[in-house]
Structure formats: C-alpha cells, structure tokens
C-alpha cells in the first residue's frame, strides 16, 4: 500500500494473518499502533523472555571465565560492549565484582 504524507511517500506492508495469530492478540494491537511522527512502534516483545537478568549472567560467565574481557562477555551474551561496561560498572559499585591486576593480563573476581 502506498501512502503520501506531506512530501513523504510511504510504502506499507501488512502483516500476514498467520504472523498476527502467532504473536498473540495483545501484541496485534501494538503492531498496528503508530506514533505521532507516523513511524511504526517496535513494541512487540520477544515471546521468549530470559528469566535470568543480565548482571546475573555476567557474574556467572566471569566466575567460570575470570580471564575474559568485556568484549568476550558481550559476544557471549550477544550484547554491545557498552552495555556490558555499564552493567559491570554497577556490579563493581555494588561490590559484587572486582577486577584484579593490570588492564591487560588481569582477571575478574566475583565477590559473594
């Protein structure tokens, strides 16, 4: 479907009925919502939610692999390095995690 909005030409592709049925009724309403600027909201949540929070996942990984860099952790958790940096900074601040040694060649220590 083509739509003209001011000087913008939009192409819209409707979702298939099978897809809408698969994601559930509650999500179907959100799929069709648009913001004030006209863009489609990305509010459909993943159907499989992780029951383990990121900080706990980081601690578990670093407990078994203390020599890992934050880039290694980010890759393992499929997150950005910046996201891992923020989460580990909070863990260090809460005294749950500590880095021992020089920046290159050091290791992580999970505190109880």
Protein backbone atom coordinates (compact mmCIF):
# COMPACT_ATOMS: atom_id res chain seq x y z
CA UNK A 1 0.00 0.00 0.00
CA UNK A 2 1.35 3.45 -0.87
CA UNK A 3 0.61 6.49 1.28
CA UNK A 4 1.50 10.14 0.71
CA UNK A 5 2.16 12.16 3.86
CA UNK A 6 3.20 15.74 3.15
CA UNK A 7 6.24 15.41 0.89
CA UNK A 8 6.92 11.83 2.02
CA UNK A 9 5.89 8.71 0.14
CA UNK A 10 5.44 5.66 2.40
CA UNK A 11 5.21 2.01 1.41
CA UNK A 12 3.36 -0.13 3.92
CA UNK A 13 3.42 -3.92 4.02
CA UNK A 14 0.63 -5.50 6.08
CA UNK A 15 1.41 -8.35 8.47
CA UNK A 16 0.11 -11.75 7.42
CA UNK A 17 -2.81 -13.17 9.41
CA UNK A 18 -0.62 -16.19 10.33
CA UNK A 19 2.02 -13.89 11.85
CA UNK A 20 -0.55 -11.91 13.83
CA UNK A 21 -2.07 -15.14 15.13
CA UNK A 22 1.38 -16.44 16.13
CA UNK A 23 2.31 -13.35 18.18
CA UNK A 24 -0.98 -13.27 20.07
CA UNK A 25 -3.88 -10.87 20.37
CA UNK A 26 -2.28 -8.41 22.81
CA UNK A 27 0.70 -7.86 20.57
CA UNK A 28 -1.52 -7.48 17.49
CA UNK A 29 -2.94 -4.26 18.85
CA UNK A 30 0.55 -2.88 19.45
CA UNK A 31 1.78 -3.85 15.97
CA UNK A 32 -0.74 -1.55 14.34
CA UNK A 33 -0.11 1.45 16.60
CA UNK A 34 1.77 4.40 15.20
CA UNK A 35 3.46 7.27 16.98
CA UNK A 36 2.71 10.95 16.45
CA UNK A 37 5.52 11.08 13.88
CA UNK A 38 3.92 8.25 11.88
CA UNK A 39 6.51 5.54 12.37
CA UNK A 40 5.50 2.05 13.44
CA UNK A 41 6.30 1.31 17.07
CA UNK A 42 8.59 -1.62 17.81
CA UNK A 43 6.74 -2.65 20.92
CA UNK A 44 6.26 -6.32 20.12
CA UNK A 45 8.23 -8.08 22.82
CA UNK A 46 10.12 -11.30 22.34
CA UNK A 47 7.91 -14.27 23.04
CA UNK A 48 10.75 -15.99 24.88
CA UNK A 49 11.86 -13.84 27.79
CA UNK A 50 15.08 -14.55 29.62
CA UNK A 51 14.41 -15.45 33.23
CA UNK A 52 17.99 -14.57 34.21
CA UNK A 53 18.90 -10.89 34.42
CA UNK A 54 21.99 -9.53 32.65
CA UNK A 55 24.02 -8.85 35.83
CA UNK A 56 23.49 -12.46 36.97
CA UNK A 57 24.51 -13.75 33.56
CA UNK A 58 27.66 -11.59 33.63
CA UNK A 59 28.59 -12.85 37.10
CA UNK A 60 28.06 -16.48 36.06
CA UNK A 61 30.24 -16.07 32.97
CA UNK A 62 33.04 -14.26 34.78
CA UNK A 63 33.00 -16.75 37.65
CA UNK A 64 33.76 -19.59 35.24
CA UNK A 65 35.96 -17.49 32.91
CA UNK A 66 37.69 -14.83 35.05
CA UNK A 67 40.25 -14.05 32.33
CA UNK A 68 37.60 -12.99 29.82
CA UNK A 69 37.50 -9.40 28.59
CA UNK A 70 34.28 -7.40 28.50
CA UNK A 71 34.29 -7.89 24.72
CA UNK A 72 34.26 -11.67 25.28
CA UNK A 73 31.33 -11.33 27.68
CA UNK A 74 29.47 -9.07 25.25
CA UNK A 75 29.93 -11.60 22.46
CA UNK A 76 28.78 -14.50 24.64
CA UNK A 77 25.65 -12.61 25.76
CA UNK A 78 25.03 -11.12 22.30
CA UNK A 79 25.10 -7.59 23.69
CA UNK A 80 27.13 -4.47 22.97
CA UNK A 81 30.39 -3.89 24.78
CA UNK A 82 29.00 -0.59 26.06
CA UNK A 83 26.01 -2.37 27.59
CA UNK A 84 28.33 -4.82 29.34
CA UNK A 85 30.56 -1.95 30.53
CA UNK A 86 27.57 -0.24 32.15
CA UNK A 87 26.35 -3.43 33.80
CA UNK A 88 29.80 -4.38 35.13
CA UNK A 89 30.34 -0.85 36.45
CA UNK A 90 27.16 -1.24 38.51
CA UNK A 91 28.32 -4.64 39.74
CA UNK A 92 31.70 -3.18 40.78
CA UNK A 93 29.89 -0.30 42.52
CA UNK A 94 27.74 -2.81 44.45
CA UNK A 95 30.87 -4.78 45.47
CA UNK A 96 29.74 -7.88 43.59
CA UNK A 97 32.60 -7.83 41.07
CA UNK A 98 36.23 -6.75 41.16
CA UNK A 99 38.99 -6.56 38.56
CA UNK A 100 42.40 -7.72 39.82
CA UNK A 101 45.69 -6.80 38.14
CA UNK A 102 46.68 -4.71 35.14
CA UNK A 103 44.27 -3.87 32.33
CA UNK A 104 46.00 -6.43 30.11
CA UNK A 105 46.67 -9.68 31.87
CA UNK A 106 44.37 -9.17 34.86
CA UNK A 107 41.29 -11.15 35.80
CA UNK A 108 37.80 -10.76 37.28
CA UNK A 109 36.87 -11.85 40.77
CA UNK A 110 33.21 -12.46 41.62
CA UNK A 111 32.56 -11.40 45.23
CA UNK A 112 29.92 -13.14 47.35
